[in-house]
Amino acid sequence: MGNDCIFCKINNREIKSPIPYSNNTSFAIKDIAPKAPIHFLIIPKIHLTNLTAFGDQNFDSMKDMFKLASEIVKQENISHTGYRLVINQGNDAGQQVPHLHLHLLAGIQLGEMG
C-alpha cells in the first residue's frame, strides 16, 4: 500500500469520505471533480498502481470492481439510459491518482471518444 495514496487513506478511514458502495475487495466514492452528473470511482482495496501491476492473484479484485459497477448501475437506476466505464492508465491518459480505479459516468449523453 502506498503510504501517501489518497485512495488507500480513504479505504483505511484515515481520510473521511462517504463510501456509498462497497464489496469484499472494492469500494466506490463520488468523484470530487465529476465529468458527468453521475461519476463514481470504483477502487480496489489493495493498492495497485495500474494494470501492468496486476497479477493472477488480483483478478478477484478486478472482477469485484465490475460487479460493484453493475450494482451501482442498478441502484442509481441508469442501466436503461446508459453509462460509461473508463480506466485511465498513466499521465497521457489522464490518470491523476496512481492507484488503479474505474470511472463510472452517466446522467448525460456522453460524446464519442477517440
PDB file of N, CA and C in Angstrom:
ATOM      1  N   MET A   1       0.848  -1.186   0.000  1.00  0.00           N
ATOM      2  CA  MET A   1       0.000   0.000   0.000  1.00  0.00           C
ATOM      3  C   MET A   1       0.886   1.239   0.000  1.00  0.00           C
ATOM      4  N   GLY A   2       0.521   2.213  -0.793  1.00  0.00           N
ATOM      5  CA  GLY A   2       1.250   3.472  -0.822  1.00  0.00           C
ATOM      6  C   GLY A   2       0.924   4.307   0.398  1.00  0.00           C
ATOM      7  N   ASN A   3       1.952   4.731   1.141  1.00  0.00           N
ATOM      8  CA  ASN A   3       1.735   5.492   2.373  1.00  0.00           C
ATOM      9  C   ASN A   3       0.999   6.798   2.138  1.00  0.00           C
ATOM     10  N   ASP A   4       1.215   7.427   0.977  1.00  0.00           N
ATOM     11  CA  ASP A   4       0.587   8.711   0.721  1.00  0.00           C
ATOM     12  C   ASP A   4      -0.557   8.606  -0.292  1.00  0.00           C
ATOM     13  N   CYS A   5      -1.027   7.401  -0.564  1.00  0.00           N
ATOM     14  CA  CYS A   5      -2.103   7.203  -1.532  1.00  0.00           C
ATOM     15  C   CYS A   5      -3.442   7.628  -0.930  1.00  0.00           C
ATOM     16  N   ILE A   6      -4.085   8.591  -1.567  1.00  0.00           N
ATOM     17  CA  ILE A   6      -5.353   9.101  -1.040  1.00  0.00           C
ATOM     18  C   ILE A   6      -6.437   8.017  -1.017  1.00  0.00           C
ATOM     19  N   PHE A   7      -6.450   7.145  -2.022  1.00  0.00           N
ATOM     20  CA  PHE A   7      -7.469   6.089  -2.047  1.00  0.00           C
ATOM     21  C   PHE A   7      -7.233   5.073  -0.923  1.00  0.00           C
ATOM     22  N   CYS A   8      -5.978   4.755  -0.651  1.00  0.00           N
ATOM     23  CA  CYS A   8      -5.672   3.857   0.468  1.00  0.00           C
ATOM     24  C   CYS A   8      -6.077   4.503   1.794  1.00  0.00           C
ATOM     25  N   LYS A   9      -5.832   5.794   1.926  1.00  0.00           N
ATOM     26  CA  LYS A   9      -6.210   6.501   3.156  1.00  0.00           C
ATOM     27  C   LYS A   9      -7.722   6.537   3.330  1.00  0.00           C
ATOM     28  N   ILE A  10      -8.464   6.704   2.241  1.00  0.00           N
ATOM     29  CA  ILE A  10      -9.934   6.659   2.332  1.00  0.00           C
ATOM     30  C   ILE A  10     -10.375   5.259   2.733  1.00  0.00           C
ATOM     31  N   ASN A  11      -9.807   4.239   2.099  1.00  0.00           N
ATOM     32  CA  ASN A  11     -10.157   2.859   2.429  1.00  0.00           C
ATOM     33  C   ASN A  11      -9.858   2.534   3.885  1.00  0.00           C
ATOM     34  N   ASN A  12      -8.740   3.032   4.403  1.00  0.00           N
ATOM     35  CA  ASN A  12      -8.344   2.783   5.796  1.00  0.00           C
ATOM     36  C   ASN A  12      -9.010   3.734   6.784  1.00  0.00           C
ATOM     37  N   ARG A  13      -9.863   4.615   6.271  1.00  0.00           N
ATOM     38  CA  ARG A  13     -10.614   5.586   7.079  1.00  0.00           C
ATOM     39  C   ARG A  13      -9.696   6.608   7.748  1.00  0.00           C
ATOM     40  N   GLU A  14      -8.498   6.820   7.188  1.00  0.00           N
ATOM     41  CA  GLU A  14      -7.613   7.879   7.652  1.00  0.00           C
ATOM     42  C   GLU A  14      -8.096   9.221   7.124  1.00  0.00           C
ATOM     43  N   ILE A  15      -8.790   9.195   5.999  1.00  0.00           N
ATOM     44  CA  ILE A  15      -9.454  10.365   5.431  1.00  0.00           C
ATOM     45  C   ILE A  15     -10.934  10.043   5.397  1.00  0.00           C
ATOM     46  N   LYS A  16     -11.722  10.920   5.973  1.00  0.00           N
ATOM     47  CA  LYS A  16     -13.173  10.706   5.999  1.00  0.00           C
ATOM     48  C   LYS A  16     -13.754  11.032   4.635  1.00  0.00           C
ATOM     49  N   SER A  17     -14.479  10.081   4.086  1.00  0.00           N
ATOM     50  CA  SER A  17     -15.155  10.257   2.810  1.00  0.00           C
ATOM     51  C   SER A  17     -16.314   9.276   2.774  1.00  0.00           C
ATOM     52  N   PRO A  18     -17.486   9.733   2.339  1.00  0.00           N
ATOM     53  CA  PRO A  18     -18.598   8.783   2.212  1.00  0.00           C
ATOM     54  C   PRO A  18     -18.243   7.676   1.214  1.00  0.00           C
ATOM     55  N   ILE A  19     -18.542   6.450   1.594  1.00  0.00           N
ATOM     56  CA  ILE A  19     -18.353   5.297   0.726  1.00  0.00           C
ATOM     57  C   ILE A  19     -19.736   4.671   0.526  1.00  0.00           C
ATOM     58  N   PRO A  20     -20.457   5.146  -0.498  1.00  0.00           N
ATOM     59  CA  PRO A  20     -21.838   4.689  -0.666  1.00  0.00           C
ATOM     60  C   PRO A  20     -21.973   3.246  -1.128  1.00  0.00           C
ATOM     61  N   TYR A  21     -20.929   2.696  -1.738  1.00  0.00           N
ATOM     62  CA  TYR A  21     -20.989   1.328  -2.241  1.00  0.00           C
ATOM     63  C   TYR A  21     -19.675   0.628  -1.940  1.00  0.00           C
ATOM     64  N   SER A  22     -19.762  -0.659  -1.581  1.00  0.00           N
ATOM     65  CA  SER A  22     -18.549  -1.450  -1.380  1.00  0.00           C
ATOM     66  C   SER A  22     -18.887  -2.932  -1.438  1.00  0.00           C
ATOM     67  N   ASN A  23     -17.847  -3.736  -1.634  1.00  0.00           N
ATOM     68  CA  ASN A  23     -17.967  -5.187  -1.528  1.00  0.00           C
ATOM     69  C   ASN A  23     -16.684  -5.687  -0.874  1.00  0.00           C
ATOM     70  N   ASN A  24     -16.401  -6.964  -0.971  1.00  0.00           N
ATOM     71  CA  ASN A  24     -15.244  -7.529  -0.257  1.00  0.00           C
ATOM     72  C   ASN A  24     -13.909  -6.929  -0.668  1.00  0.00           C
ATOM     73  N   THR A  25     -13.737  -6.593  -1.953  1.00  0.00           N
ATOM     74  CA  THR A  25     -12.409  -6.170  -2.414  1.00  0.00           C
ATOM     75  C   THR A  25     -12.379  -4.790  -3.057  1.00  0.00           C
ATOM     76  N   SER A  26     -13.540  -4.127  -3.166  1.00  0.00           N
ATOM     77  CA  SER A  26     -13.606  -2.819  -3.830  1.00  0.00           C
ATOM     78  C   SER A  26     -14.543  -1.885  -3.076  1.00  0.00           C
ATOM     79  N   PHE A  27     -14.362  -0.596  -3.327  1.00  0.00           N
ATOM     80  CA  PHE A  27     -15.293   0.397  -2.788  1.00  0.00           C
ATOM     81  C   PHE A  27     -15.479   1.494  -3.824  1.00  0.00           C
ATOM     82  N   ALA A  28     -16.547   2.260  -3.669  1.00  0.00           N
ATOM     83  CA  ALA A  28     -16.843   3.335  -4.615  1.00  0.00           C
ATOM     84  C   ALA A  28     -17.075   4.631  -3.868  1.00  0.00           C
ATOM     85  N   ILE A  29     -16.557   5.705  -4.447  1.00  0.00           N
ATOM     86  CA  ILE A  29     -16.779   7.047  -3.930  1.00  0.00           C
ATOM     87  C   ILE A  29     -17.210   7.929  -5.092  1.00  0.00           C
ATOM     88  N   LYS A  30     -17.828   9.047  -4.772  1.00  0.00           N
ATOM     89  CA  LYS A  30     -18.161  10.015  -5.815  1.00  0.00           C
ATOM     90  C   LYS A  30     -16.899  10.794  -6.174  1.00  0.00           C
ATOM     91  N   ASP A  31     -16.718  11.050  -7.464  1.00  0.00           N
ATOM     92  CA  ASP A  31     -15.571  11.827  -7.920  1.00  0.00           C
ATOM     93  C   ASP A  31     -15.723  13.268  -7.425  1.00  0.00           C
ATOM     94  N   ILE A  32     -14.639  13.860  -6.920  1.00  0.00           N
ATOM     95  CA  ILE A  32     -14.717  15.229  -6.406  1.00  0.00           C
ATOM     96  C   ILE A  32     -14.711  16.270  -7.527  1.00  0.00           C
ATOM     97  N   ALA A  33     -14.366  15.852  -8.734  1.00  0.00           N
ATOM     98  CA  ALA A  33     -14.405  16.736  -9.912  1.00  0.00           C
ATOM     99  C   ALA A  33     -15.162  15.996 -11.024  1.00  0.00           C
ATOM    100  N   PRO A  34     -16.471  15.822 -10.837  1.00  0.00           N
ATOM    101  CA  PRO A  34     -17.229  14.977 -11.763  1.00  0.00           C
ATOM    102  C   PRO A  34     -17.263  15.507 -13.187  1.00  0.00           C
ATOM    103  N   LYS A  35     -17.196  14.569 -14.134  1.00  0.00           N
ATOM    104  CA  LYS A  35     -17.282  14.876 -15.559  1.00  0.00           C
ATOM    105  C   LYS A  35     -18.671  14.580 -16.103  1.00  0.00           C
ATOM    106  N   ALA A  36     -19.563  14.116 -15.247  1.00  0.00           N
ATOM    107  CA  ALA A  36     -20.952  13.814 -15.591  1.00  0.00           C
ATOM    108  C   ALA A  36     -21.770  13.921 -14.302  1.00  0.00           C
ATOM    109  N   PRO A  37     -23.099  14.073 -14.414  1.00  0.00           N
ATOM    110  CA  PRO A  37     -23.916  14.167 -13.203  1.00  0.00           C
ATOM    111  C   PRO A  37     -23.751  12.972 -12.253  1.00  0.00           C
ATOM    112  N   ILE A  38     -23.539  11.794 -12.809  1.00  0.00           N
ATOM    113  CA  ILE A  38     -23.228  10.612 -12.013  1.00  0.00           C
ATOM    114  C   ILE A  38     -21.797  10.224 -12.369  1.00  0.00           C
ATOM    115  N   HIS A  39     -20.902  10.289 -11.385  1.00  0.00           N
ATOM    116  CA  HIS A  39     -19.494   9.960 -11.629  1.00  0.00           C
ATOM    117  C   HIS A  39     -18.922   9.340 -10.364  1.00  0.00           C
ATOM    118  N   PHE A  40     -18.815   8.019 -10.387  1.00  0.00           N
ATOM    119  CA  PHE A  40     -18.231   7.271  -9.282  1.00  0.00           C
ATOM    120  C   PHE A  40     -16.852   6.776  -9.662  1.00  0.00           C
ATOM    121  N   LEU A  41     -15.993   6.645  -8.671  1.00  0.00           N
ATOM    122  CA  LEU A  41     -14.712   5.969  -8.809  1.00  0.00           C
ATOM    123  C   LEU A  41     -14.842   4.643  -8.077  1.00  0.00           C
ATOM    124  N   ILE A  42     -14.550   3.558  -8.766  1.00  0.00           N
ATOM    125  CA  ILE A  42     -14.601   2.222  -8.181  1.00  0.00           C
ATOM    126  C   ILE A  42     -13.155   1.768  -8.010  1.00  0.00           C
ATOM    127  N   ILE A  43     -12.786   1.494  -6.767  1.00  0.00           N
ATOM    128  CA  ILE A  43     -11.386   1.381  -6.388  1.00  0.00           C
ATOM    129  C   ILE A  43     -11.131   0.042  -5.690  1.00  0.00           C
ATOM    130  N   PRO A  44     -10.113  -0.702  -6.126  1.00  0.00           N
ATOM    131  CA  PRO A  44      -9.773  -1.911  -5.376  1.00  0.00           C
ATOM    132  C   PRO A  44      -9.181  -1.544  -4.016  1.00  0.00           C
ATOM    133  N   LYS A  45      -9.477  -2.351  -3.023  1.00  0.00           N
ATOM    134  CA  LYS A  45      -8.973  -2.084  -1.672  1.00  0.00           C
ATOM    135  C   LYS A  45      -7.474  -2.335  -1.564  1.00  0.00           C
ATOM    136  N   ILE A  46      -6.939  -3.197  -2.412  1.00  0.00           N
ATOM    137  CA  ILE A  46      -5.489  -3.402  -2.423  1.00  0.00           C
ATOM    138  C   ILE A  46      -4.864  -2.325  -3.306  1.00  0.00           C
ATOM    139  N   HIS A  47      -3.661  -1.920  -2.980  1.00  0.00           N
ATOM    140  CA  HIS A  47      -3.006  -0.876  -3.747  1.00  0.00           C
ATOM    141  C   HIS A  47      -2.335  -1.470  -4.977  1.00  0.00           C
ATOM    142  N   LEU A  48      -2.849  -1.099  -6.136  1.00  0.00           N
ATOM    143  CA  LEU A  48      -2.247  -1.430  -7.424  1.00  0.00           C
ATOM    144  C   LEU A  48      -2.149  -0.134  -8.193  1.00  0.00           C
ATOM    145  N   THR A  49      -0.980   0.173  -8.706  1.00  0.00           N
ATOM    146  CA  THR A  49      -0.807   1.437  -9.412  1.00  0.00           C
ATOM    147  C   THR A  49      -1.517   1.426 -10.757  1.00  0.00           C
ATOM    148  N   ASN A  50      -1.402   0.332 -11.485  1.00  0.00           N
ATOM    149  CA  ASN A  50      -2.005   0.268 -12.819  1.00  0.00           C
ATOM    150  C   ASN A  50      -2.193  -1.182 -13.230  1.00  0.00           C
ATOM    151  N   LEU A  51      -2.714  -1.390 -14.409  1.00  0.00           N
ATOM    152  CA  LEU A  51      -2.987  -2.739 -14.890  1.00  0.00           C
ATOM    153  C   LEU A  51      -1.731  -3.579 -15.041  1.00  0.00           C
ATOM    154  N   THR A  52      -0.598  -2.965 -15.352  1.00  0.00           N
ATOM    155  CA  THR A  52       0.631  -3.742 -15.511  1.00  0.00           C
ATOM    156  C   THR A  52       1.117  -4.309 -14.177  1.00  0.00           C
ATOM    157  N   ALA A  53       0.653  -3.745 -13.061  1.00  0.00           N
ATOM    158  CA  ALA A  53       0.991  -4.274 -11.740  1.00  0.00           C
ATOM    159  C   ALA A  53       0.062  -5.419 -11.346  1.00  0.00           C
ATOM    160  N   PHE A  54      -0.915  -5.678 -12.173  1.00  0.00           N
ATOM    161  CA  PHE A  54      -1.933  -6.676 -11.903  1.00  0.00           C
ATOM    162  C   PHE A  54      -1.381  -8.071 -12.131  1.00  0.00           C
ATOM    163  N   GLY A  55      -1.550  -8.965 -11.193  1.00  0.00           N
ATOM    164  CA  GLY A  55      -1.113 -10.349 -11.332  1.00  0.00           C
ATOM    165  C   GLY A  55      -2.295 -11.296 -11.188  1.00  0.00           C
ATOM    166  N   ASP A  56      -2.045 -12.572 -11.401  1.00  0.00           N
ATOM    167  CA  ASP A  56      -3.107 -13.579 -11.310  1.00  0.00           C
ATOM    168  C   ASP A  56      -3.841 -13.523  -9.975  1.00  0.00           C
ATOM    169  N   GLN A  57      -3.121 -13.209  -8.911  1.00  0.00           N
ATOM    170  CA  GLN A  57      -3.734 -13.176  -7.582  1.00  0.00           C
ATOM    171  C   GLN A  57      -4.700 -12.003  -7.417  1.00  0.00           C
ATOM    172  N   ASN A  58      -4.710 -11.064  -8.358  1.00  0.00           N
ATOM    173  CA  ASN A  58      -5.541  -9.869  -8.234  1.00  0.00           C
ATOM    174  C   ASN A  58      -6.818  -9.909  -9.074  1.00  0.00           C
ATOM    175  N   PHE A  59      -7.058 -10.988  -9.800  1.00  0.00           N
ATOM    176  CA  PHE A  59      -8.214 -10.999 -10.693  1.00  0.00           C
ATOM    177  C   PHE A  59      -9.543 -10.931  -9.947  1.00  0.00           C
ATOM    178  N   ASP A  60      -9.598 -11.422  -8.715  1.00  0.00           N
ATOM    179  CA  ASP A  60     -10.834 -11.277  -7.946  1.00  0.00           C
ATOM    180  C   ASP A  60     -11.145  -9.803  -7.709  1.00  0.00           C
ATOM    181  N   SER A  61     -10.111  -9.003  -7.500  1.00  0.00           N
ATOM    182  CA  SER A  61     -10.323  -7.566  -7.320  1.00  0.00           C
ATOM    183  C   SER A  61     -10.913  -6.937  -8.569  1.00  0.00           C
ATOM    184  N   MET A  62     -10.379  -7.299  -9.726  1.00  0.00           N
ATOM    185  CA  MET A  62     -10.893  -6.745 -10.981  1.00  0.00           C
ATOM    186  C   MET A  62     -12.342  -7.196 -11.206  1.00  0.00           C
ATOM    187  N   LYS A  63     -12.603  -8.467 -10.966  1.00  0.00           N
ATOM    188  CA  LYS A  63     -13.967  -8.986 -11.113  1.00  0.00           C
ATOM    189  C   LYS A  63     -14.919  -8.225 -10.186  1.00  0.00           C
ATOM    190  N   ASP A  64     -14.504  -8.007  -8.948  1.00  0.00           N
ATOM    191  CA  ASP A  64     -15.350  -7.321  -7.986  1.00  0.00           C
ATOM    192  C   ASP A  64     -15.557  -5.850  -8.330  1.00  0.00           C
ATOM    193  N   MET A  65     -14.576  -5.225  -8.990  1.00  0.00           N
ATOM    194  CA  MET A  65     -14.761  -3.844  -9.435  1.00  0.00           C
ATOM    195  C   MET A  65     -15.938  -3.778 -10.419  1.00  0.00           C
ATOM    196  N   PHE A  66     -15.980  -4.721 -11.349  1.00  0.00           N
ATOM    197  CA  PHE A  66     -17.056  -4.730 -12.335  1.00  0.00           C
ATOM    198  C   PHE A  66     -18.382  -5.185 -11.724  1.00  0.00           C
ATOM    199  N   LYS A  67     -18.341  -6.089 -10.756  1.00  0.00           N
ATOM    200  CA  LYS A  67     -19.566  -6.467 -10.043  1.00  0.00           C
ATOM    201  C   LYS A  67     -20.130  -5.269  -9.297  1.00  0.00           C
ATOM    202  N   LEU A  68     -19.247  -4.490  -8.671  1.00  0.00           N
ATOM    203  CA  LEU A  68     -19.696  -3.301  -7.951  1.00  0.00           C
ATOM    204  C   LEU A  68     -20.257  -2.271  -8.928  1.00  0.00           C
ATOM    205  N   ALA A  69     -19.632  -2.115 -10.081  1.00  0.00           N
ATOM    206  CA  ALA A  69     -20.172  -1.213 -11.104  1.00  0.00           C
ATOM    207  C   ALA A  69     -21.587  -1.636 -11.486  1.00  0.00           C
ATOM    208  N   SER A  70     -21.801  -2.921 -11.661  1.00  0.00           N
ATOM    209  CA  SER A  70     -23.129  -3.429 -12.008  1.00  0.00           C
ATOM    210  C   SER A  70     -24.152  -3.119 -10.910  1.00  0.00           C
ATOM    211  N   GLU A  71     -23.750  -3.265  -9.655  1.00  0.00           N
ATOM    212  CA  GLU A  71     -24.636  -2.941  -8.534  1.00  0.00           C
ATOM    213  C   GLU A  71     -24.974  -1.452  -8.516  1.00  0.00           C
ATOM    214  N   ILE A  72     -23.980  -0.606  -8.742  1.00  0.00           N
ATOM    215  CA  ILE A  72     -24.210   0.843  -8.744  1.00  0.00           C
ATOM    216  C   ILE A  72     -25.177   1.229  -9.849  1.00  0.00           C
ATOM    217  N   VAL A  73     -24.979   0.670 -11.035  1.00  0.00           N
ATOM    218  CA  VAL A  73     -25.843   0.964 -12.182  1.00  0.00           C
ATOM    219  C   VAL A  73     -27.300   0.636 -11.843  1.00  0.00           C
ATOM    220  N   LYS A  74     -27.510  -0.490 -11.174  1.00  0.00           N
ATOM    221  CA  LYS A  74     -28.875  -0.875 -10.781  1.00  0.00           C
ATOM    222  C   LYS A  74     -29.421   0.079  -9.715  1.00  0.00           C
ATOM    223  N   GLN A  75     -28.613   0.351  -8.691  1.00  0.00           N
ATOM    224  CA  GLN A  75     -29.058   1.212  -7.595  1.00  0.00           C
ATOM    225  C   GLN A  75     -29.315   2.649  -8.047  1.00  0.00           C
ATOM    226  N   GLU A  76     -28.506   3.142  -8.964  1.00  0.00           N
ATOM    227  CA  GLU A  76     -28.655   4.504  -9.466  1.00  0.00           C
ATOM    228  C   GLU A  76     -29.697   4.581 -10.593  1.00  0.00           C
ATOM    229  N   ASN A  77     -30.243   3.434 -10.976  1.00  0.00           N
ATOM    230  CA  ASN A  77     -31.297   3.348 -11.988  1.00  0.00           C
ATOM    231  C   ASN A  77     -30.859   3.945 -13.333  1.00  0.00           C
ATOM    232  N   ILE A  78     -29.655   3.567 -13.775  1.00  0.00           N
ATOM    233  CA  ILE A  78     -29.138   4.100 -15.039  1.00  0.00           C
ATOM    234  C   ILE A  78     -28.891   3.017 -16.088  1.00  0.00           C
ATOM    235  N   SER A  79     -29.266   1.784 -15.772  1.00  0.00           N
ATOM    236  CA  SER A  79     -28.994   0.708 -16.723  1.00  0.00           C
ATOM    237  C   SER A  79     -29.762   0.894 -18.028  1.00  0.00           C
ATOM    238  N   HIS A  80     -30.901   1.530 -17.985  1.00  0.00           N
ATOM    239  CA  HIS A  80     -31.726   1.710 -19.189  1.00  0.00           C
ATOM    240  C   HIS A  80     -31.290   2.912 -20.037  1.00  0.00           C
ATOM    241  N   THR A  81     -30.592   3.868 -19.446  1.00  0.00           N
ATOM    242  CA  THR A  81     -30.190   5.064 -20.200  1.00  0.00           C
ATOM    243  C   THR A  81     -28.766   4.985 -20.718  1.00  0.00           C
ATOM    244  N   GLY A  82     -27.931   4.195 -20.061  1.00  0.00           N
ATOM    245  CA  GLY A  82     -26.557   4.017 -20.494  1.00  0.00           C
ATOM    246  C   GLY A  82     -25.556   4.658 -19.552  1.00  0.00           C
ATOM    247  N   TYR A  83     -24.340   4.187 -19.656  1.00  0.00           N
ATOM    248  CA  TYR A  83     -23.251   4.647 -18.800  1.00  0.00           C
ATOM    249  C   TYR A  83     -21.941   4.284 -19.464  1.00  0.00           C
ATOM    250  N   ARG A  84     -20.873   4.852 -18.958  1.00  0.00           N
ATOM    251  CA  ARG A  84     -19.535   4.574 -19.494  1.00  0.00           C
ATOM    252  C   ARG A  84     -18.632   4.134 -18.344  1.00  0.00           C
ATOM    253  N   LEU A  85     -17.807   3.118 -18.612  1.00  0.00           N
ATOM    254  CA  LEU A  85     -16.777   2.665 -17.682  1.00  0.00           C
ATOM    255  C   LEU A  85     -15.425   2.956 -18.316  1.00  0.00           C
ATOM    256  N   VAL A  86     -14.537   3.611 -17.561  1.00  0.00           N
ATOM    257  CA  VAL A  86     -13.245   4.034 -18.094  1.00  0.00           C
ATOM    258  C   VAL A  86     -12.144   3.741 -17.077  1.00  0.00           C
ATOM    259  N   ILE A  87     -11.021   3.224 -17.572  1.00  0.00           N
ATOM    260  CA  ILE A  87      -9.808   3.100 -16.758  1.00  0.00           C
ATOM    261  C   ILE A  87      -8.737   3.933 -17.450  1.00  0.00           C
ATOM    262  N   ASN A  88      -8.256   4.961 -16.772  1.00  0.00           N
ATOM    263  CA  ASN A  88      -7.159   5.786 -17.280  1.00  0.00           C
ATOM    264  C   ASN A  88      -5.855   5.230 -16.721  1.00  0.00           C
ATOM    265  N   GLN A  89      -4.875   5.043 -17.582  1.00  0.00           N
ATOM    266  CA  GLN A  89      -3.591   4.494 -17.163  1.00  0.00           C
ATOM    267  C   GLN A  89      -2.457   5.406 -17.593  1.00  0.00           C
ATOM    268  N   GLY A  90      -1.781   6.016 -16.642  1.00  0.00           N
ATOM    269  CA  GLY A  90      -0.627   6.858 -16.922  1.00  0.00           C
ATOM    270  C   GLY A  90      -0.992   8.300 -17.226  1.00  0.00           C
ATOM    271  N   ASN A  91       0.031   9.131 -17.293  1.00  0.00           N
ATOM    272  CA  ASN A  91      -0.149  10.569 -17.498  1.00  0.00           C
ATOM    273  C   ASN A  91      -0.851  10.897 -18.802  1.00  0.00           C
ATOM    274  N   ASP A  92      -0.475  10.241 -19.892  1.00  0.00           N
ATOM    275  CA  ASP A  92      -1.073  10.544 -21.193  1.00  0.00           C
ATOM    276  C   ASP A  92      -2.573  10.257 -21.217  1.00  0.00           C
ATOM    277  N   ALA A  93      -3.023   9.341 -20.386  1.00  0.00           N
ATOM    278  CA  ALA A  93      -4.448   9.009 -20.331  1.00  0.00           C
ATOM    279  C   ALA A  93      -5.200   9.853 -19.301  1.00  0.00           C
ATOM    280  N   GLY A  94      -4.474  10.638 -18.518  1.00  0.00           N
ATOM    281  CA  GLY A  94      -5.119  11.498 -17.533  1.00  0.00           C
ATOM    282  C   GLY A  94      -5.270  10.881 -16.154  1.00  0.00           C
ATOM    283  N   GLN A  95      -4.531   9.806 -15.853  1.00  0.00           N
ATOM    284  CA  GLN A  95      -4.603   9.215 -14.522  1.00  0.00           C
ATOM    285  C   GLN A  95      -4.007  10.192 -13.520  1.00  0.00           C
ATOM    286  N   GLN A  96      -4.824  10.628 -12.553  1.00  0.00           N
ATOM    287  CA  GLN A  96      -4.370  11.617 -11.584  1.00  0.00           C
ATOM    288  C   GLN A  96      -3.940  11.007 -10.261  1.00  0.00           C
ATOM    289  N   VAL A  97      -4.511   9.867  -9.915  1.00  0.00           N
ATOM    290  CA  VAL A  97      -4.145   9.184  -8.675  1.00  0.00           C
ATOM    291  C   VAL A  97      -3.493   7.859  -9.058  1.00  0.00           C
ATOM    292  N   PRO A  98      -2.257   7.618  -8.621  1.00  0.00           N
ATOM    293  CA  PRO A  98      -1.558   6.398  -9.007  1.00  0.00           C
ATOM    294  C   PRO A  98      -2.037   5.166  -8.223  1.00  0.00           C
ATOM    295  N   HIS A  99      -3.310   4.886  -8.344  1.00  0.00           N
ATOM    296  CA  HIS A  99      -3.956   3.708  -7.753  1.00  0.00           C
ATOM    297  C   HIS A  99      -5.028   3.319  -8.761  1.00  0.00           C
ATOM    298  N   LEU A 100      -4.950   2.099  -9.282  1.00  0.00           N
ATOM    299  CA  LEU A 100      -5.904   1.633 -10.277  1.00  0.00           C
ATOM    300  C   LEU A 100      -7.327   1.928  -9.825  1.00  0.00           C
ATOM    301  N   HIS A 101      -8.146   2.471 -10.718  1.00  0.00           N
ATOM    302  CA  HIS A 101      -9.552   2.702 -10.415  1.00  0.00           C
ATOM    303  C   HIS A 101     -10.354   2.784 -11.705  1.00  0.00           C
ATOM    304  N   LEU A 102     -11.636   2.551 -11.569  1.00  0.00           N
ATOM    305  CA  LEU A 102     -12.578   2.522 -12.670  1.00  0.00           C
ATOM    306  C   LEU A 102     -13.539   3.693 -12.515  1.00  0.00           C
ATOM    307  N   HIS A 103     -13.699   4.488 -13.575  1.00  0.00           N
ATOM    308  CA  HIS A 103     -14.672   5.580 -13.565  1.00  0.00           C
ATOM    309  C   HIS A 103     -16.001   5.058 -14.106  1.00  0.00           C
ATOM    310  N   LEU A 104     -17.086   5.358 -13.425  1.00  0.00           N
ATOM    311  CA  LEU A 104     -18.427   5.092 -13.913  1.00  0.00           C
ATOM    312  C   LEU A 104     -19.090   6.442 -14.127  1.00  0.00           C
ATOM    313  N   LEU A 105     -19.419   6.763 -15.388  1.00  0.00           N
ATOM    314  CA  LEU A 105     -20.012   8.050 -15.740  1.00  0.00           C
ATOM    315  C   LEU A 105     -21.384   7.841 -16.365  1.00  0.00           C
ATOM    316  N   ALA A 106     -22.334   8.686 -15.974  1.00  0.00           N
ATOM    317  CA  ALA A 106     -23.688   8.590 -16.520  1.00  0.00           C
ATOM    318  C   ALA A 106     -24.459   9.865 -16.193  1.00  0.00           C
ATOM    319  N   GLY A 107     -25.679   9.913 -16.672  1.00  0.00           N
ATOM    320  CA  GLY A 107     -26.556  11.032 -16.352  1.00  0.00           C
ATOM    321  C   GLY A 107     -26.675  12.072 -17.437  1.00  0.00           C
ATOM    322  N   ILE A 108     -25.837  11.979 -18.469  1.00  0.00           N
ATOM    323  CA  ILE A 108     -25.917  12.842 -19.646  1.00  0.00           C
ATOM    324  C   ILE A 108     -25.520  11.997 -20.853  1.00  0.00           C
ATOM    325  N   GLN A 109     -25.831  12.507 -22.014  1.00  0.00           N
ATOM    326  CA  GLN A 109     -25.358  11.827 -23.206  1.00  0.00           C
ATOM    327  C   GLN A 109     -23.867  12.102 -23.352  1.00  0.00           C
ATOM    328  N   LEU A 110     -23.084  11.071 -23.310  1.00  0.00           N
ATOM    329  CA  LEU A 110     -21.629  11.180 -23.372  1.00  0.00           C
ATOM    330  C   LEU A 110     -21.195  11.121 -24.827  1.00  0.00           C
ATOM    331  N   GLY A 111     -20.321  12.024 -25.228  1.00  0.00           N
ATOM    332  CA  GLY A 111     -19.839  12.057 -26.603  1.00  0.00           C
ATOM    333  C   GLY A 111     -18.953  10.873 -26.933  1.00  0.00           C
ATOM    334  N   GLU A 112     -18.684  10.738 -28.211  1.00  0.00           N
ATOM    335  CA  GLU A 112     -17.787   9.679 -28.650  1.00  0.00           C
ATOM    336  C   GLU A 112     -16.393   9.952 -28.169  1.00  0.00           C
ATOM    337  N   MET A 113     -15.657   8.885 -27.916  1.00  0.00           N
ATOM    338  CA  MET A 113     -14.263   9.016 -27.506  1.00  0.00           C
ATOM    339  C   MET A 113     -13.380   8.628 -28.677  1.00  0.00           C
ATOM    340  N   GLY A 114     -12.241   9.304 -28.771  1.00  0.00           N
ATOM    341  CA  GLY A 114     -11.242   8.910 -29.755  1.00  0.00           C
ATOM    342  C   GLY A 114     -11.372   9.513 -31.094  1.00  0.00           C
TER     343      GLY A 114
END
